Amino acid sequence: MTETPASRAIATRTFGWTMLAVMAAFLINVVLTFWFGLPGAGAAFAGGGIAAVAQAALYPAAMALAVWSVRRRPDATLREESQRATALNNFLIRAAFWVVLLVGLGDAVVSFLRVDGLLEPLLGAQLAGDLGRSQYRGLHLHVPLGLLGVAIAAVTRSLGFVWLALLVVAAELLIVLSRFVFSYEQAFMADLVRFWYGALFLFASAYTLREEGHVRVDLLYASMSRRAKGRVNAWGSILLGALLCWTILILGMGSTSSIIVGPLLVFEVTQSGFGMYVKYLMAGFLGVFAVTMMVQFVSQFFEAVADRRDEPGARETASEMM
C-alpha cells in the first residue's frame, strides 16, 4: 500500500506524542516507586506482584492513549500539533515559575525570622523548632506553596520567567543595599539569588529553544533552505535533543541515590544552618529542565517535519526577524 502524505503525518504525530506519553508514564512510576514504596515496573518480571505488573502496564497504556489521541484527530496538521505541545510546555514552565516564586519568598521569610530570633516569639517554640527541620518545612511549607503555584499557573497566561529575571536582579540589589548601607547580610539572601537564578537558567531553556535563541555554530545551517533545515532539525531533535533528555531522566531518577531523586527524597539542604532549605528543589530543577526540553524537542520535531514537507503556516522565529 502506498504511503500518503496524510499517513506520514499521522506516523510523525504518533511518534512524537508516544514519546511524551512514555515520559509521563516513566515519571509516574518514579513517584510510585520512590515516594509510595511500590516495587517498580522492572520488578514485574522478578516476582514483584500485581503492583509491579500494574506499573509496567502504564507504559503500553500510555502509548495506546497517545495513539488514540492522534487517531481521533486525523486531520490535525503538524504545525497544530507543535502548537499543542508548546502550549503544554508553557503551562509547565509557568507552573514552575510560580512554584519557585512562592517557595522562594516563603522560605526566605522563614529563614529571616529564624536567623534573627523572631520565629519562636511569633510561632512558638514547637513550630519554630519544626520549621528548623528540612523535612517539616518541605512538607508543610513548600508543598502547599507549590500547589498554590500550580493553581495560579492554571488561571494565568504569562510565561513568568521574564519576571523571574527581574526578581533575580532585585534580590541581588537587596544584598548590595543591605551589605553596604545597613551592614547586614545573611546566608539565605545569597541562597535566594542562586535559587531563582538556577530556575531562570533552566526553565527558560525550552522557550529559548523555540525561538532559536541558543548559541549555535551554523556555518552550514544558515545557508540551507527551509526544507533542508527541517531535515536537520527533525533528526537533531530526536537523536541529540530527546536522547539528552532521556539520559538526564534515567540517570537522575534511576535509584534512590540518583542526582535528582536522592536530594528530593531526603529534603537535602546546604550545610549553612540558617540558609534557605531549598537545595533539594534545585536538584529538581534539572528534572524540570529535562521534561520541558523533551516537550519542546517534540514540538520542534513536528515543526521541522512540517518544514521538510513544505506545509503552509511556517512560524517565523525571533532570529529570522532580526
C-alpha atoms as a PDB file:
ATOM      1  CA  MET A   1       0.000   0.000   0.000  1.00  0.00           C
ATOM      2  CA  THR A   2       1.364   3.404  -0.969  1.00  0.00           C
ATOM      3  CA  GLU A   3       2.041   5.723   1.944  1.00  0.00           C
ATOM      4  CA  THR A   4       0.219   9.030   1.561  1.00  0.00           C
ATOM      5  CA  PRO A   5       1.327  12.375   2.999  1.00  0.00           C
ATOM      6  CA  ALA A   6      -1.530  12.139   5.491  1.00  0.00           C
ATOM      7  CA  SER A   7      -0.365   8.739   6.734  1.00  0.00           C
ATOM      8  CA  ARG A   8       3.192  10.026   7.104  1.00  0.00           C
ATOM      9  CA  ALA A   9       1.881  12.933   9.175  1.00  0.00           C
ATOM     10  CA  ILE A  10      -0.063  10.538  11.386  1.00  0.00           C
ATOM     11  CA  ALA A  11       3.057   8.427  11.862  1.00  0.00           C
ATOM     12  CA  THR A  12       5.088  11.500  12.830  1.00  0.00           C
ATOM     13  CA  ARG A  13       2.424  12.730  15.221  1.00  0.00           C
ATOM     14  CA  THR A  14       2.055   9.288  16.767  1.00  0.00           C
ATOM     15  CA  PHE A  15       5.796   9.005  17.314  1.00  0.00           C
ATOM     16  CA  GLY A  16       6.042  12.403  18.991  1.00  0.00           C
ATOM     17  CA  TRP A  17       3.065  12.050  21.313  1.00  0.00           C
ATOM     18  CA  THR A  18       4.031   8.470  22.169  1.00  0.00           C
ATOM     19  CA  MET A  19       7.428   9.688  23.319  1.00  0.00           C
ATOM     20  CA  LEU A  20       5.781  12.221  25.626  1.00  0.00           C
ATOM     21  CA  ALA A  21       3.294   9.639  26.885  1.00  0.00           C
ATOM     22  CA  VAL A  22       6.089   7.206  27.736  1.00  0.00           C
ATOM     23  CA  MET A  23       7.909  10.002  29.556  1.00  0.00           C
ATOM     24  CA  ALA A  24       4.760  10.714  31.585  1.00  0.00           C
ATOM     25  CA  ALA A  25       4.460   7.013  32.464  1.00  0.00           C
ATOM     26  CA  PHE A  26       8.112   6.976  33.494  1.00  0.00           C
ATOM     27  CA  LEU A  27       7.633   9.970  35.807  1.00  0.00           C
ATOM     28  CA  ILE A  28       4.511   8.440  37.357  1.00  0.00           C
ATOM     29  CA  ASN A  29       6.422   5.232  38.007  1.00  0.00           C
ATOM     30  CA  VAL A  30       9.256   7.182  39.622  1.00  0.00           C
ATOM     31  CA  VAL A  31       6.808   8.773  42.056  1.00  0.00           C
ATOM     32  CA  LEU A  32       5.042   5.473  42.767  1.00  0.00           C
ATOM     33  CA  THR A  33       8.322   3.647  43.341  1.00  0.00           C
ATOM     34  CA  PHE A  34      10.319   6.109  45.439  1.00  0.00           C
ATOM     35  CA  TRP A  35       7.591   8.019  47.271  1.00  0.00           C
ATOM     36  CA  PHE A  36       4.869   5.382  47.673  1.00  0.00           C
ATOM     37  CA  GLY A  37       7.082   2.337  48.083  1.00  0.00           C
ATOM     38  CA  LEU A  38       5.841   0.294  45.117  1.00  0.00           C
ATOM     39  CA  PRO A  39       8.267  -2.283  43.689  1.00  0.00           C
ATOM     40  CA  GLY A  40       8.755  -0.622  40.298  1.00  0.00           C
ATOM     41  CA  ALA A  41       7.992  -1.673  36.732  1.00  0.00           C
ATOM     42  CA  GLY A  42      11.207  -3.671  36.455  1.00  0.00           C
ATOM     43  CA  ALA A  43      10.057  -5.958  39.255  1.00  0.00           C
ATOM     44  CA  ALA A  44       7.137  -7.184  37.132  1.00  0.00           C
ATOM     45  CA  PHE A  45       9.432  -9.861  35.692  1.00  0.00           C
ATOM     46  CA  ALA A  46      11.054 -10.708  39.020  1.00  0.00           C
ATOM     47  CA  GLY A  47       8.113 -11.635  41.212  1.00  0.00           C
ATOM     48  CA  GLY A  48       7.136  -8.083  42.104  1.00  0.00           C
ATOM     49  CA  GLY A  49       3.457  -8.916  42.316  1.00  0.00           C
ATOM     50  CA  ILE A  50       0.385  -7.198  40.947  1.00  0.00           C
ATOM     51  CA  ALA A  51       1.666  -3.725  41.844  1.00  0.00           C
ATOM     52  CA  ALA A  52       4.762  -4.169  39.679  1.00  0.00           C
ATOM     53  CA  VAL A  53       2.653  -5.523  36.815  1.00  0.00           C
ATOM     54  CA  ALA A  54       0.345  -2.506  37.084  1.00  0.00           C
ATOM     55  CA  GLN A  55       3.337  -0.182  36.961  1.00  0.00           C
ATOM     56  CA  ALA A  56       4.717  -1.948  33.900  1.00  0.00           C
ATOM     57  CA  ALA A  57       1.286  -1.740  32.272  1.00  0.00           C
ATOM     58  CA  LEU A  58       1.445   2.045  32.497  1.00  0.00           C
ATOM     59  CA  TYR A  59       3.808   2.122  29.524  1.00  0.00           C
ATOM     60  CA  PRO A  60       1.630   0.297  26.957  1.00  0.00           C
ATOM     61  CA  ALA A  61      -1.399   2.127  28.349  1.00  0.00           C
ATOM     62  CA  ALA A  62       0.326   5.474  27.802  1.00  0.00           C
ATOM     63  CA  MET A  63       1.316   4.502  24.268  1.00  0.00           C
ATOM     64  CA  ALA A  64      -2.216   3.346  23.493  1.00  0.00           C
ATOM     65  CA  LEU A  65      -3.583   6.637  24.801  1.00  0.00           C
ATOM     66  CA  ALA A  66      -1.183   8.566  22.569  1.00  0.00           C
ATOM     67  CA  VAL A  67      -2.209   6.546  19.506  1.00  0.00           C
ATOM     68  CA  TRP A  68      -5.893   7.022  20.315  1.00  0.00           C
ATOM     69  CA  SER A  69      -5.397  10.769  20.774  1.00  0.00           C
ATOM     70  CA  VAL A  70      -3.783  11.067  17.347  1.00  0.00           C
ATOM     71  CA  ARG A  71      -6.337   8.842  15.615  1.00  0.00           C
ATOM     72  CA  ARG A  72      -9.269  10.828  16.950  1.00  0.00           C
ATOM     73  CA  ARG A  73      -7.857  13.942  15.238  1.00  0.00           C
ATOM     74  CA  PRO A  74      -6.837  12.585  11.829  1.00  0.00           C
ATOM     75  CA  ASP A  75      -6.923  15.977  10.103  1.00  0.00           C
ATOM     76  CA  ALA A  76      -4.679  17.817  12.562  1.00  0.00           C
ATOM     77  CA  THR A  77      -1.598  19.295  10.945  1.00  0.00           C
ATOM     78  CA  LEU A  78       1.929  19.009  12.245  1.00  0.00           C
ATOM     79  CA  ARG A  79       2.044  22.727  12.955  1.00  0.00           C
ATOM     80  CA  GLU A  80      -1.113  22.446  15.046  1.00  0.00           C
ATOM     81  CA  GLU A  81       0.449  19.582  16.967  1.00  0.00           C
ATOM     82  CA  SER A  82       3.557  21.685  17.510  1.00  0.00           C
ATOM     83  CA  GLN A  83       1.406  24.458  18.951  1.00  0.00           C
ATOM     84  CA  ARG A  84      -0.333  21.987  21.274  1.00  0.00           C
ATOM     85  CA  ALA A  85       2.983  20.714  22.587  1.00  0.00           C
ATOM     86  CA  THR A  86       4.224  24.264  23.067  1.00  0.00           C
ATOM     87  CA  ALA A  87       1.035  25.205  24.933  1.00  0.00           C
ATOM     88  CA  LEU A  88       1.597  22.252  27.268  1.00  0.00           C
ATOM     89  CA  ASN A  89       5.171  23.369  27.804  1.00  0.00           C
ATOM     90  CA  ASN A  90       4.097  26.935  28.507  1.00  0.00           C
ATOM     91  CA  PHE A  91       1.896  25.679  31.327  1.00  0.00           C
ATOM     92  CA  LEU A  92       4.697  23.561  32.800  1.00  0.00           C
ATOM     93  CA  ILE A  93       7.138  26.473  32.729  1.00  0.00           C
ATOM     94  CA  ARG A  94       4.531  28.867  34.088  1.00  0.00           C
ATOM     95  CA  ALA A  95       3.741  26.497  36.949  1.00  0.00           C
ATOM     96  CA  ALA A  96       7.435  26.056  37.719  1.00  0.00           C
ATOM     97  CA  PHE A  97       7.865  29.840  37.831  1.00  0.00           C
ATOM     98  CA  TRP A  98       5.053  30.353  40.324  1.00  0.00           C
ATOM     99  CA  VAL A  99       6.313  27.486  42.460  1.00  0.00           C
ATOM    100  CA  VAL A 100       9.842  28.885  42.753  1.00  0.00           C
ATOM    101  CA  LEU A 101       8.493  32.399  43.285  1.00  0.00           C
ATOM    102  CA  LEU A 102       6.206  31.447  46.167  1.00  0.00           C
ATOM    103  CA  VAL A 103       8.543  28.883  47.717  1.00  0.00           C
ATOM    104  CA  GLY A 104      11.491  31.260  47.434  1.00  0.00           C
ATOM    105  CA  LEU A 105       9.659  34.131  49.111  1.00  0.00           C
ATOM    106  CA  GLY A 106       8.094  31.905  51.772  1.00  0.00           C
ATOM    107  CA  ASP A 107      11.326  30.153  52.682  1.00  0.00           C
ATOM    108  CA  ALA A 108      13.268  33.433  52.688  1.00  0.00           C
ATOM    109  CA  VAL A 109      10.794  34.951  55.162  1.00  0.00           C
ATOM    110  CA  VAL A 110      11.037  31.926  57.463  1.00  0.00           C
ATOM    111  CA  SER A 111      14.840  31.950  57.229  1.00  0.00           C
ATOM    112  CA  PHE A 112      14.947  35.679  58.019  1.00  0.00           C
ATOM    113  CA  LEU A 113      12.720  35.279  61.067  1.00  0.00           C
ATOM    114  CA  ARG A 114      14.711  32.273  62.231  1.00  0.00           C
ATOM    115  CA  VAL A 115      18.172  33.806  61.886  1.00  0.00           C
ATOM    116  CA  ASP A 116      17.100  36.974  63.716  1.00  0.00           C
ATOM    117  CA  GLY A 117      15.422  35.066  66.530  1.00  0.00           C
ATOM    118  CA  LEU A 118      11.899  36.215  65.673  1.00  0.00           C
ATOM    119  CA  LEU A 119      10.412  32.872  64.685  1.00  0.00           C
ATOM    120  CA  GLU A 120       9.936  31.480  68.184  1.00  0.00           C
ATOM    121  CA  PRO A 121       8.234  34.592  69.636  1.00  0.00           C
ATOM    122  CA  LEU A 122       5.840  34.672  66.678  1.00  0.00           C
ATOM    123  CA  LEU A 123       5.029  30.970  66.244  1.00  0.00           C
ATOM    124  CA  GLY A 124       6.062  29.313  69.477  1.00  0.00           C
ATOM    125  CA  ALA A 125       8.959  27.062  70.366  1.00  0.00           C
ATOM    126  CA  GLN A 126       7.436  23.870  68.946  1.00  0.00           C
ATOM    127  CA  LEU A 127       6.600  25.216  65.485  1.00  0.00           C
ATOM    128  CA  ALA A 128       9.836  27.208  65.323  1.00  0.00           C
ATOM    129  CA  GLY A 129      11.788  24.036  66.032  1.00  0.00           C
ATOM    130  CA  ASP A 130       9.815  22.092  63.438  1.00  0.00           C
ATOM    131  CA  LEU A 131      10.496  24.727  60.782  1.00  0.00           C
ATOM    132  CA  GLY A 132      14.187  24.248  61.503  1.00  0.00           C
ATOM    133  CA  ARG A 133      13.924  20.700  60.110  1.00  0.00           C
ATOM    134  CA  SER A 134      14.054  20.390  56.336  1.00  0.00           C
ATOM    135  CA  GLN A 135      11.513  17.548  56.164  1.00  0.00           C
ATOM    136  CA  TYR A 136       8.909  19.516  58.092  1.00  0.00           C
ATOM    137  CA  ARG A 137       9.497  22.747  56.205  1.00  0.00           C
ATOM    138  CA  GLY A 138       9.377  20.928  52.886  1.00  0.00           C
ATOM    139  CA  LEU A 139       6.118  19.106  53.573  1.00  0.00           C
ATOM    140  CA  HIS A 140       4.254  21.827  55.455  1.00  0.00           C
ATOM    141  CA  LEU A 141       5.525  24.968  53.730  1.00  0.00           C
ATOM    142  CA  HIS A 142       6.997  24.159  50.328  1.00  0.00           C
ATOM    143  CA  VAL A 143       4.382  21.635  49.209  1.00  0.00           C
ATOM    144  CA  PRO A 144       1.338  23.867  49.941  1.00  0.00           C
ATOM    145  CA  LEU A 145       3.050  26.837  48.300  1.00  0.00           C
ATOM    146  CA  GLY A 146       3.926  24.646  45.316  1.00  0.00           C
ATOM    147  CA  LEU A 147       0.325  23.512  44.913  1.00  0.00           C
ATOM    148  CA  LEU A 148      -0.795  27.132  45.115  1.00  0.00           C
ATOM    149  CA  GLY A 149       1.717  27.991  42.397  1.00  0.00           C
ATOM    150  CA  VAL A 150       0.325  25.307  40.080  1.00  0.00           C
ATOM    151  CA  ALA A 151      -3.211  26.586  40.716  1.00  0.00           C
ATOM    152  CA  ILE A 152      -2.167  30.146  39.845  1.00  0.00           C
ATOM    153  CA  ALA A 153      -0.462  28.893  36.673  1.00  0.00           C
ATOM    154  CA  ALA A 154      -3.721  27.262  35.598  1.00  0.00           C
ATOM    155  CA  VAL A 155      -5.530  30.620  35.517  1.00  0.00           C
ATOM    156  CA  THR A 156      -2.752  32.879  34.215  1.00  0.00           C
ATOM    157  CA  ARG A 157      -1.159  33.115  30.783  1.00  0.00           C
ATOM    158  CA  SER A 158       2.200  34.836  31.250  1.00  0.00           C
ATOM    159  CA  LEU A 159       5.251  32.577  30.972  1.00  0.00           C
ATOM    160  CA  GLY A 160       6.663  34.168  34.103  1.00  0.00           C
ATOM    161  CA  PHE A 161      10.398  33.688  33.720  1.00  0.00           C
ATOM    162  CA  VAL A 162      10.701  37.214  32.268  1.00  0.00           C
ATOM    163  CA  TRP A 163       9.624  38.482  35.682  1.00  0.00           C
ATOM    164  CA  LEU A 164      11.937  35.972  37.317  1.00  0.00           C
ATOM    165  CA  ALA A 165      14.880  37.753  35.700  1.00  0.00           C
ATOM    166  CA  LEU A 166      13.736  40.980  37.352  1.00  0.00           C
ATOM    167  CA  LEU A 167      13.395  39.210  40.700  1.00  0.00           C
ATOM    168  CA  VAL A 168      16.966  37.914  40.446  1.00  0.00           C
ATOM    169  CA  VAL A 169      18.188  41.481  39.916  1.00  0.00           C
ATOM    170  CA  ALA A 170      16.035  42.737  42.803  1.00  0.00           C
ATOM    171  CA  ALA A 171      17.344  40.029  45.153  1.00  0.00           C
ATOM    172  CA  GLU A 172      20.936  40.839  44.222  1.00  0.00           C
ATOM    173  CA  LEU A 173      20.279  44.557  44.680  1.00  0.00           C
ATOM    174  CA  LEU A 174      18.873  43.831  48.136  1.00  0.00           C
ATOM    175  CA  ILE A 175      22.139  42.131  49.082  1.00  0.00           C
ATOM    176  CA  VAL A 176      24.163  45.131  47.912  1.00  0.00           C
ATOM    177  CA  LEU A 177      21.993  47.649  49.755  1.00  0.00           C
ATOM    178  CA  SER A 178      21.787  45.653  52.976  1.00  0.00           C
ATOM    179  CA  ARG A 179      25.530  44.936  52.998  1.00  0.00           C
ATOM    180  CA  PHE A 180      26.889  48.391  52.208  1.00  0.00           C
ATOM    181  CA  VAL A 181      24.140  50.563  53.680  1.00  0.00           C
ATOM    182  CA  PHE A 182      22.976  48.578  56.709  1.00  0.00           C
ATOM    183  CA  SER A 183      25.978  46.235  57.169  1.00  0.00           C
ATOM    184  CA  TYR A 184      23.567  43.301  57.198  1.00  0.00           C
ATOM    185  CA  GLU A 185      23.915  40.078  55.225  1.00  0.00           C
ATOM    186  CA  GLN A 186      22.773  36.533  55.860  1.00  0.00           C
ATOM    187  CA  ALA A 187      23.251  33.232  54.032  1.00  0.00           C
ATOM    188  CA  PHE A 188      19.609  32.988  52.987  1.00  0.00           C
ATOM    189  CA  MET A 189      19.930  36.154  50.873  1.00  0.00           C
ATOM    190  CA  ALA A 190      22.564  34.612  48.598  1.00  0.00           C
ATOM    191  CA  ASP A 191      20.608  31.339  48.621  1.00  0.00           C
ATOM    192  CA  LEU A 192      17.565  33.157  47.240  1.00  0.00           C
ATOM    193  CA  VAL A 193      19.609  34.599  44.356  1.00  0.00           C
ATOM    194  CA  ARG A 194      21.030  31.179  43.481  1.00  0.00           C
ATOM    195  CA  PHE A 195      17.610  29.560  43.794  1.00  0.00           C
ATOM    196  CA  TRP A 196      15.943  31.990  41.416  1.00  0.00           C
ATOM    197  CA  TYR A 197      18.880  32.228  39.030  1.00  0.00           C
ATOM    198  CA  GLY A 198      19.081  28.451  38.676  1.00  0.00           C
ATOM    199  CA  ALA A 199      15.359  28.367  37.931  1.00  0.00           C
ATOM    200  CA  LEU A 200      15.684  31.164  35.382  1.00  0.00           C
ATOM    201  CA  PHE A 201      18.529  29.467  33.545  1.00  0.00           C
ATOM    202  CA  LEU A 202      16.916  26.027  33.360  1.00  0.00           C
ATOM    203  CA  PHE A 203      13.254  26.976  32.944  1.00  0.00           C
ATOM    204  CA  ALA A 204      13.907  29.443  30.117  1.00  0.00           C
ATOM    205  CA  SER A 205      15.872  26.921  28.050  1.00  0.00           C
ATOM    206  CA  ALA A 206      12.809  25.449  26.351  1.00  0.00           C
ATOM    207  CA  TYR A 207      11.479  28.889  25.376  1.00  0.00           C
ATOM    208  CA  THR A 208      14.911  29.860  24.070  1.00  0.00           C
ATOM    209  CA  LEU A 209      14.974  26.669  22.010  1.00  0.00           C
ATOM    210  CA  ARG A 210      11.612  27.513  20.471  1.00  0.00           C
ATOM    211  CA  GLU A 211      12.803  30.986  19.493  1.00  0.00           C
ATOM    212  CA  GLU A 212      16.149  29.588  18.269  1.00  0.00           C
ATOM    213  CA  GLY A 213      17.955  31.795  20.745  1.00  0.00           C
ATOM    214  CA  HIS A 214      20.598  29.280  21.808  1.00  0.00           C
ATOM    215  CA  VAL A 215      24.125  29.818  20.518  1.00  0.00           C
ATOM    216  CA  ARG A 216      24.766  27.568  17.548  1.00  0.00           C
ATOM    217  CA  VAL A 217      27.574  27.141  15.036  1.00  0.00           C
ATOM    218  CA  ASP A 218      25.679  27.483  11.768  1.00  0.00           C
ATOM    219  CA  LEU A 219      28.373  27.733   9.106  1.00  0.00           C
ATOM    220  CA  LEU A 220      26.373  25.282   7.005  1.00  0.00           C
ATOM    221  CA  TYR A 221      22.921  25.560   8.564  1.00  0.00           C
ATOM    222  CA  ALA A 222      22.446  29.276   7.834  1.00  0.00           C
ATOM    223  CA  SER A 223      22.751  28.766   4.078  1.00  0.00           C
ATOM    224  CA  MET A 224      20.327  25.831   3.933  1.00  0.00           C
ATOM    225  CA  SER A 225      16.829  26.005   2.514  1.00  0.00           C
ATOM    226  CA  ARG A 226      13.853  25.702   4.848  1.00  0.00           C
ATOM    227  CA  ARG A 227      13.341  22.085   3.772  1.00  0.00           C
ATOM    228  CA  ALA A 228      16.966  21.209   4.478  1.00  0.00           C
ATOM    229  CA  LYS A 229      16.791  22.950   7.847  1.00  0.00           C
ATOM    230  CA  GLY A 230      13.673  20.946   8.593  1.00  0.00           C
ATOM    231  CA  ARG A 231      15.512  17.700   7.926  1.00  0.00           C
ATOM    232  CA  VAL A 232      18.431  18.718  10.151  1.00  0.00           C
ATOM    233  CA  ASN A 233      16.163  19.918  12.961  1.00  0.00           C
ATOM    234  CA  ALA A 234      13.989  16.799  12.833  1.00  0.00           C
ATOM    235  CA  TRP A 235      16.915  14.420  13.194  1.00  0.00           C
ATOM    236  CA  GLY A 236      18.659  16.660  15.708  1.00  0.00           C
ATOM    237  CA  SER A 237      15.555  16.953  17.886  1.00  0.00           C
ATOM    238  CA  ILE A 238      15.354  13.187  18.302  1.00  0.00           C
ATOM    239  CA  LEU A 239      18.937  11.945  18.115  1.00  0.00           C
ATOM    240  CA  LEU A 240      20.517  14.776  20.094  1.00  0.00           C
ATOM    241  CA  GLY A 241      17.779  16.587  21.998  1.00  0.00           C
ATOM    242  CA  ALA A 242      15.403  13.850  23.119  1.00  0.00           C
ATOM    243  CA  LEU A 243      18.284  11.458  23.769  1.00  0.00           C
ATOM    244  CA  LEU A 244      19.908  14.012  26.080  1.00  0.00           C
ATOM    245  CA  CYS A 245      16.650  14.485  27.985  1.00  0.00           C
ATOM    246  CA  TRP A 246      16.164  10.736  28.396  1.00  0.00           C
ATOM    247  CA  THR A 247      19.731  10.427  29.648  1.00  0.00           C
ATOM    248  CA  ILE A 248      19.095  13.064  32.321  1.00  0.00           C
ATOM    249  CA  LEU A 249      15.814  11.474  33.386  1.00  0.00           C
ATOM    250  CA  ILE A 250      17.103   7.899  33.539  1.00  0.00           C
ATOM    251  CA  LEU A 251      20.377   8.710  35.286  1.00  0.00           C
ATOM    252  CA  GLY A 252      18.793  11.310  37.546  1.00  0.00           C
ATOM    253  CA  MET A 253      15.789   9.224  38.585  1.00  0.00           C
ATOM    254  CA  GLY A 254      17.000   5.659  38.333  1.00  0.00           C
ATOM    255  CA  SER A 255      17.620   4.962  42.023  1.00  0.00           C
ATOM    256  CA  THR A 256      17.365   6.442  45.494  1.00  0.00           C
ATOM    257  CA  SER A 257      20.922   7.745  45.193  1.00  0.00           C
ATOM    258  CA  SER A 258      20.426   9.419  41.806  1.00  0.00           C
ATOM    259  CA  ILE A 259      21.263  13.094  41.455  1.00  0.00           C
ATOM    260  CA  ILE A 260      17.615  14.185  41.173  1.00  0.00           C
ATOM    261  CA  VAL A 261      15.671  11.668  43.241  1.00  0.00           C
ATOM    262  CA  GLY A 262      18.241  11.406  46.043  1.00  0.00           C
ATOM    263  CA  PRO A 263      18.093  15.035  47.254  1.00  0.00           C
ATOM    264  CA  LEU A 264      14.314  15.173  46.814  1.00  0.00           C
ATOM    265  CA  LEU A 265      13.742  12.092  48.959  1.00  0.00           C
ATOM    266  CA  VAL A 266      15.674  13.421  51.960  1.00  0.00           C
ATOM    267  CA  PHE A 267      14.919  17.153  51.532  1.00  0.00           C
ATOM    268  CA  GLU A 268      18.636  17.823  51.218  1.00  0.00           C
ATOM    269  CA  VAL A 269      19.845  21.231  52.413  1.00  0.00           C
ATOM    270  CA  THR A 270      23.138  23.112  52.499  1.00  0.00           C
ATOM    271  CA  GLN A 271      25.474  22.996  55.484  1.00  0.00           C
ATOM    272  CA  SER A 272      24.768  26.605  56.466  1.00  0.00           C
ATOM    273  CA  GLY A 273      22.243  26.102  59.249  1.00  0.00           C
ATOM    274  CA  PHE A 274      20.389  29.376  58.769  1.00  0.00           C
ATOM    275  CA  GLY A 275      20.244  29.414  54.986  1.00  0.00           C
ATOM    276  CA  MET A 276      17.248  28.528  52.857  1.00  0.00           C
ATOM    277  CA  TYR A 277      16.087  24.909  52.819  1.00  0.00           C
ATOM    278  CA  VAL A 278      15.702  24.661  49.044  1.00  0.00           C
ATOM    279  CA  LYS A 279      18.771  22.770  47.851  1.00  0.00           C
ATOM    280  CA  TYR A 280      16.682  19.662  47.163  1.00  0.00           C
ATOM    281  CA  LEU A 281      14.385  21.706  44.924  1.00  0.00           C
ATOM    282  CA  MET A 282      17.367  22.908  42.924  1.00  0.00           C
ATOM    283  CA  ALA A 283      18.149  19.267  42.174  1.00  0.00           C
ATOM    284  CA  GLY A 284      14.577  19.003  40.930  1.00  0.00           C
ATOM    285  CA  PHE A 285      15.242  21.908  38.552  1.00  0.00           C
ATOM    286  CA  LEU A 286      17.284  19.500  36.437  1.00  0.00           C
ATOM    287  CA  GLY A 287      14.243  17.251  36.126  1.00  0.00           C
ATOM    288  CA  VAL A 288      12.068  20.213  35.115  1.00  0.00           C
ATOM    289  CA  PHE A 289      14.700  21.138  32.538  1.00  0.00           C
ATOM    290  CA  ALA A 290      14.690  17.629  31.051  1.00  0.00           C
ATOM    291  CA  VAL A 291      10.889  17.401  30.919  1.00  0.00           C
ATOM    292  CA  THR A 292      10.301  20.835  29.400  1.00  0.00           C
ATOM    293  CA  MET A 293      13.109  20.395  26.902  1.00  0.00           C
ATOM    294  CA  MET A 294      11.712  16.994  25.910  1.00  0.00           C
ATOM    295  CA  VAL A 295       8.306  18.520  25.233  1.00  0.00           C
ATOM    296  CA  GLN A 296       9.878  21.351  23.268  1.00  0.00           C
ATOM    297  CA  PHE A 297      12.060  18.989  21.254  1.00  0.00           C
ATOM    298  CA  VAL A 298       8.926  17.071  20.261  1.00  0.00           C
ATOM    299  CA  SER A 299       7.275  20.365  19.313  1.00  0.00           C
ATOM    300  CA  GLN A 300      10.340  21.261  17.262  1.00  0.00           C
ATOM    301  CA  PHE A 301      10.254  17.804  15.682  1.00  0.00           C
ATOM    302  CA  PHE A 302       6.683  18.388  14.495  1.00  0.00           C
ATOM    303  CA  GLU A 303       7.604  21.830  13.172  1.00  0.00           C
ATOM    304  CA  ALA A 304      10.730  20.532  11.450  1.00  0.00           C
ATOM    305  CA  VAL A 305       8.914  17.714   9.662  1.00  0.00           C
ATOM    306  CA  ALA A 306       6.278  20.235   8.561  1.00  0.00           C
ATOM    307  CA  ASP A 307       9.072  22.393   7.124  1.00  0.00           C
ATOM    308  CA  ARG A 308      10.553  19.355   5.413  1.00  0.00           C
ATOM    309  CA  ARG A 309       7.182  18.687   3.783  1.00  0.00           C
ATOM    310  CA  ASP A 310       6.668  22.352   2.820  1.00  0.00           C
ATOM    311  CA  GLU A 311       3.461  22.601   4.808  1.00  0.00           C
ATOM    312  CA  PRO A 312       1.975  26.123   4.908  1.00  0.00           C
ATOM    313  CA  GLY A 313       1.974  28.300   8.012  1.00  0.00           C
ATOM    314  CA  ALA A 314       5.673  28.215   8.839  1.00  0.00           C
ATOM    315  CA  ARG A 315       6.441  30.124  12.023  1.00  0.00           C
ATOM    316  CA  GLU A 316       8.916  32.995  11.867  1.00  0.00           C
ATOM    317  CA  THR A 317      11.293  32.841  14.811  1.00  0.00           C
ATOM    318  CA  ALA A 318      12.853  35.801  16.572  1.00  0.00           C
ATOM    319  CA  SER A 319      16.226  35.048  14.981  1.00  0.00           C
ATOM    320  CA  GLU A 320      14.686  35.145  11.497  1.00  0.00           C
ATOM    321  CA  MET A 321      13.049  38.513  12.147  1.00  0.00           C
ATOM    322  CA  MET A 322      16.350  40.159  13.078  1.00  0.00           C
END
